[in-house]
C-alpha cells in the first residue's frame, strides 16, 4: 500500500509537459508548397481581388472616386469607372503598393508565403533564391510588405493590462585596437548619432497586440503612448524617468530593475513580455538581417511587432494578411523606383497620414 501511495504521489508530482510552440503543430502547416503549386494565375488574381475589395467580395471599386459602377475593357485588361465625373482607368493594383508591378500574382503569393514563414523575419537573400529573382527585387518587395504591415498597425489602440518598455538599436561604434585608446561607448559624447530607441507596448491578455515606435529618446514617446493606450488601461513600466509622465494619464505601476525584476503579491508588476519581445528583436537583427539601417528601423520593428501579435495565426492566414496589408496600402514613397533613384528615401514617421496625396 505504501509503495502504491508513493507511486501515486510521484505521478501527481510530475510536471505537465510544456505547451508546444504553435509553429510545431499541424494547424500551422496549412499552406505547403504542394498547395502553392496548385494555384493558377487566374486563381491568384481572384485571391487578390478578394483581398483588395473584401467588402464587395472581390467586385471592383474605383480607387479614385469609390464608385461601384464600371466597364471591363478586355483589350486593356482594365476597368473603366462609369461615374460621369471620374471615367478613369484602373486595374487590380492601381494606387496600391503593387502598382506597376512586374511579378505575376502567383509570384506575389509565393513571396508573401516566404516572408511569413520566418519566425524571426526573412532576409532578402533567402527570398531572392526562393523567387528566382535578383536580391534588389526581393529587398524592395520585402520593404513594401513591411510598409503595409506598418500602415495596418497605425490605428491600433491597446486596452487592459499593458507593458511599456524601450530598447536601443543601431549606432555601433567599433572599439579601438589598443585598450588605452578605447572610450566608454555608452556616453553621449562618444556616440555617432545613429543610435535610436524602439519603444514598445504590449497587451497581456486578449489579442495580446504589440505596437512599436522609433524615437531619439524614450522621453519623446510618452505623448504617442498616451494616445495609443486606452485611458482605462493598467500600465506596467520600469524605473526609467521617461515614464513619469504616464502617471498623469494612466494608472501606472513601476518596477526598479536595478533591485528586482518583478514585484507585487504574485510578481505581477513586471515588464517581462516586453523584455522578451526585445530579445527576439535583437535576434531579428543579429541572426536574420545582420544590419538594420536607421531610416528603416521602424519598418523592421513593425514587422517584428506584427509577428509577435499574430504568432498563433496559421501560415496561410499570415500570408494572406501580409498580402492584404500591402494591397490595401498606397504606393510606397520610399520603394517605388527605389533602385532607379526615383525615391526620395522617405523616412517613415508615426504622426503622418500615409494616404495623403494618393486619394
Foldseek 3Di string as FASTA:
>chain_A
DVVVVVVVVVVVPDDDDDDDFLVVDPQQPPCDVVNLVPDDLVNLLLLLLCLQCVVVSSQDADPPPRDSDWDQDPVVRWIFHPPPVGRDIDHSQPQFQCPPHDDGSSLLLQLLLQQLPDLLGAQLVVSCVSSVHDSLVSVLSSLLLLVLLLVVCLQAAAAAEKEKDKDKDDQDDDADPDPVRGDDCVDPVNTPQLIWMKIKMFDPDDLGAMDIFIGRDLLVCLVVNLVRYDQAYEYAYEPDPSCPVVVVRHNYDYHHVVVPQADDPVSPRHRVVVVVLVVSLVCSCVVHVNDDGRLCPNSSSSSSRVCVSPVNPHSVVSSSVSSSSRSNFGHDQCRPCNVVVPHPNDRDHSPDDRCPPSD
